[in-house]
Amino acid sequence: MEINYYISARSNEQVQGINVNLSSEFEKGNIPSTVSFNANGSVETSGEAIYMNVNGSYDVEKRIFNNLNSSSLPSGFVSELETKITEFFNQIKIDQAL
């Protein structure tokens, strides 16, 4: 019987005041190829609070978003989200090297 062990990495970050949950699961000794994300909360736009919800995954090797689903996505959110995902991924790489 072969048993495969996986590592689950998770982080909670903020992008434009919205809580973002980042996660990735990968085999022990490897680094992940994708990072999943989920964010929801209210964002102020033109003096009005608008509820937003966004989720999907990001391919860190190809640097593209997969399955990006959203409602009321504020301007610049995706680029700031990509920065947080990259920081999360880089920390995983550092931790795996130790």
C-alpha atoms as a PDB file:
ATOM      1  CA  MET A   1       0.000   0.000   0.000  1.00  0.00           C
ATOM      2  CA  GLU A   2       1.345   3.413  -0.961  1.00  0.00           C
ATOM      3  CA  ILE A   3       0.328   6.385   1.156  1.00  0.00           C
ATOM      4  CA  ASN A   4       0.678   9.882  -0.247  1.00  0.00           C
ATOM      5  CA  TYR A   5       0.981  12.718   2.222  1.00  0.00           C
ATOM      6  CA  TYR A   6      -0.276  16.161   1.317  1.00  0.00           C
ATOM      7  CA  ILE A   7       0.335  19.534   2.863  1.00  0.00           C
ATOM      8  CA  SER A   8      -2.484  22.038   3.132  1.00  0.00           C
ATOM      9  CA  ALA A   9      -1.357  25.670   3.298  1.00  0.00           C
ATOM     10  CA  ARG A  10      -3.791  28.442   4.230  1.00  0.00           C
ATOM     11  CA  SER A  11      -3.585  32.172   4.790  1.00  0.00           C
ATOM     12  CA  ASN A  12      -6.038  34.978   5.497  1.00  0.00           C
ATOM     13  CA  GLU A  13      -5.124  38.301   3.893  1.00  0.00           C
ATOM     14  CA  GLN A  14      -6.807  41.623   3.152  1.00  0.00           C
ATOM     15  CA  VAL A  15      -7.213  43.166  -0.284  1.00  0.00           C
ATOM     16  CA  GLN A  16      -8.871  46.593  -0.407  1.00  0.00           C
ATOM     17  CA  GLY A  17     -10.278  45.947   3.067  1.00  0.00           C
ATOM     18  CA  ILE A  18     -11.856  42.631   2.036  1.00  0.00           C
ATOM     19  CA  ASN A  19     -10.869  39.392   3.786  1.00  0.00           C
ATOM     20  CA  VAL A  20      -9.332  36.938   1.339  1.00  0.00           C
ATOM     21  CA  ASN A  21      -8.765  33.258   2.113  1.00  0.00           C
ATOM     22  CA  LEU A  22      -5.893  31.666   0.201  1.00  0.00           C
ATOM     23  CA  SER A  23      -5.247  27.940   0.172  1.00  0.00           C
ATOM     24  CA  SER A  24      -3.242  25.315  -1.637  1.00  0.00           C
ATOM     25  CA  GLU A  25      -2.804  21.583  -1.261  1.00  0.00           C
ATOM     26  CA  PHE A  26       0.281  19.827  -2.551  1.00  0.00           C
ATOM     27  CA  GLU A  27       2.257  16.646  -2.139  1.00  0.00           C
ATOM     28  CA  LYS A  28       4.952  16.623   0.530  1.00  0.00           C
ATOM     29  CA  GLY A  29       8.327  17.604  -0.955  1.00  0.00           C
ATOM     30  CA  ASN A  30       6.758  19.517  -3.858  1.00  0.00           C
ATOM     31  CA  ILE A  31       5.456  23.017  -4.365  1.00  0.00           C
ATOM     32  CA  PRO A  32       1.888  23.776  -5.467  1.00  0.00           C
ATOM     33  CA  SER A  33       0.924  24.621  -9.018  1.00  0.00           C
ATOM     34  CA  THR A  34      -2.317  26.404  -8.083  1.00  0.00           C
ATOM     35  CA  VAL A  35      -3.616  28.592  -5.292  1.00  0.00           C
ATOM     36  CA  SER A  36      -7.343  28.774  -4.544  1.00  0.00           C
ATOM     37  CA  PHE A  37      -8.953  31.914  -3.193  1.00  0.00           C
ATOM     38  CA  ASN A  38     -12.249  33.094  -1.778  1.00  0.00           C
ATOM     39  CA  ALA A  39     -13.171  36.628  -0.759  1.00  0.00           C
ATOM     40  CA  ASN A  40     -16.397  38.299   0.262  1.00  0.00           C
ATOM     41  CA  GLY A  41     -17.405  41.464   2.022  1.00  0.00           C
ATOM     42  CA  SER A  42     -18.585  44.995   1.448  1.00  0.00           C
ATOM     43  CA  VAL A  43     -16.550  47.501  -0.496  1.00  0.00           C
ATOM     44  CA  GLU A  44     -17.294  51.223  -0.653  1.00  0.00           C
ATOM     45  CA  THR A  45     -17.786  52.538  -4.177  1.00  0.00           C
ATOM     46  CA  SER A  46     -18.916  56.122  -4.824  1.00  0.00           C
ATOM     47  CA  GLY A  47     -20.067  56.421  -1.220  1.00  0.00           C
ATOM     48  CA  GLU A  48     -22.167  53.261  -1.426  1.00  0.00           C
ATOM     49  CA  ALA A  49     -21.384  49.935   0.258  1.00  0.00           C
ATOM     50  CA  ILE A  50     -21.569  47.123  -2.279  1.00  0.00           C
ATOM     51  CA  TYR A  51     -21.302  43.451  -1.344  1.00  0.00           C
ATOM     52  CA  MET A  52     -18.757  41.545  -3.400  1.00  0.00           C
ATOM     53  CA  ASN A  53     -17.907  37.877  -3.669  1.00  0.00           C
ATOM     54  CA  VAL A  54     -15.043  36.429  -5.686  1.00  0.00           C
ATOM     55  CA  ASN A  55     -13.534  32.958  -5.843  1.00  0.00           C
ATOM     56  CA  GLY A  56     -11.455  30.803  -8.119  1.00  0.00           C
ATOM     57  CA  SER A  57      -7.913  29.594  -8.552  1.00  0.00           C
ATOM     58  CA  TYR A  58      -4.644  30.936  -9.868  1.00  0.00           C
ATOM     59  CA  ASP A  59      -2.061  28.924 -11.831  1.00  0.00           C
ATOM     60  CA  VAL A  60       1.229  30.118 -10.351  1.00  0.00           C
ATOM     61  CA  GLU A  61       3.343  28.586 -13.122  1.00  0.00           C
ATOM     62  CA  LYS A  62       1.433  30.166 -16.016  1.00  0.00           C
ATOM     63  CA  ARG A  63       0.442  33.270 -14.003  1.00  0.00           C
ATOM     64  CA  ILE A  64      -3.222  33.096 -15.054  1.00  0.00           C
ATOM     65  CA  PHE A  65      -6.521  33.000 -13.205  1.00  0.00           C
ATOM     66  CA  ASN A  66      -8.690  29.904 -13.654  1.00  0.00           C
ATOM     67  CA  ASN A  67     -12.370  29.714 -12.767  1.00  0.00           C
ATOM     68  CA  LEU A  68     -12.588  33.367 -11.710  1.00  0.00           C
ATOM     69  CA  ASN A  69     -16.151  33.909 -10.488  1.00  0.00           C
ATOM     70  CA  SER A  70     -17.179  37.242  -9.080  1.00  0.00           C
ATOM     71  CA  SER A  71     -19.905  39.710  -8.329  1.00  0.00           C
ATOM     72  CA  SER A  72     -19.293  43.446  -7.967  1.00  0.00           C
ATOM     73  CA  LEU A  73     -15.543  43.231  -8.398  1.00  0.00           C
ATOM     74  CA  PRO A  74     -13.912  46.611  -7.624  1.00  0.00           C
ATOM     75  CA  SER A  75     -11.291  48.165  -9.895  1.00  0.00           C
ATOM     76  CA  GLY A  76      -7.744  47.019  -9.229  1.00  0.00           C
ATOM     77  CA  PHE A  77      -8.842  44.143  -6.996  1.00  0.00           C
ATOM     78  CA  VAL A  78      -7.552  41.389  -9.288  1.00  0.00           C
ATOM     79  CA  SER A  79      -4.049  42.865  -9.561  1.00  0.00           C
ATOM     80  CA  GLU A  80      -3.820  43.288  -5.763  1.00  0.00           C
ATOM     81  CA  LEU A  81      -5.142  39.747  -5.313  1.00  0.00           C
ATOM     82  CA  GLU A  82      -2.472  38.440  -7.687  1.00  0.00           C
ATOM     83  CA  THR A  83       0.192  40.168  -5.551  1.00  0.00           C
ATOM     84  CA  LYS A  84      -1.110  38.487  -2.364  1.00  0.00           C
ATOM     85  CA  ILE A  85      -1.238  35.101  -4.113  1.00  0.00           C
ATOM     86  CA  THR A  86       2.352  35.523  -5.308  1.00  0.00           C
ATOM     87  CA  GLU A  87       3.508  36.413  -1.779  1.00  0.00           C
ATOM     88  CA  PHE A  88       1.675  33.351  -0.412  1.00  0.00           C
ATOM     89  CA  PHE A  89       3.235  31.087  -3.054  1.00  0.00           C
ATOM     90  CA  ASN A  90       6.731  32.489  -2.454  1.00  0.00           C
ATOM     91  CA  GLN A  91       6.388  31.823   1.281  1.00  0.00           C
ATOM     92  CA  ILE A  92       5.421  28.210   0.546  1.00  0.00           C
ATOM     93  CA  LYS A  93       8.530  27.844  -1.646  1.00  0.00           C
ATOM     94  CA  ILE A  94      10.715  29.217   1.162  1.00  0.00           C
ATOM     95  CA  ASP A  95       9.114  26.930   3.756  1.00  0.00           C
ATOM     96  CA  GLN A  96       9.495  23.875   1.490  1.00  0.00           C
ATOM     97  CA  ALA A  97      13.199  24.629   1.020  1.00  0.00           C
ATOM     98  CA  LEU A  98      13.827  24.458   4.783  1.00  0.00           C
END
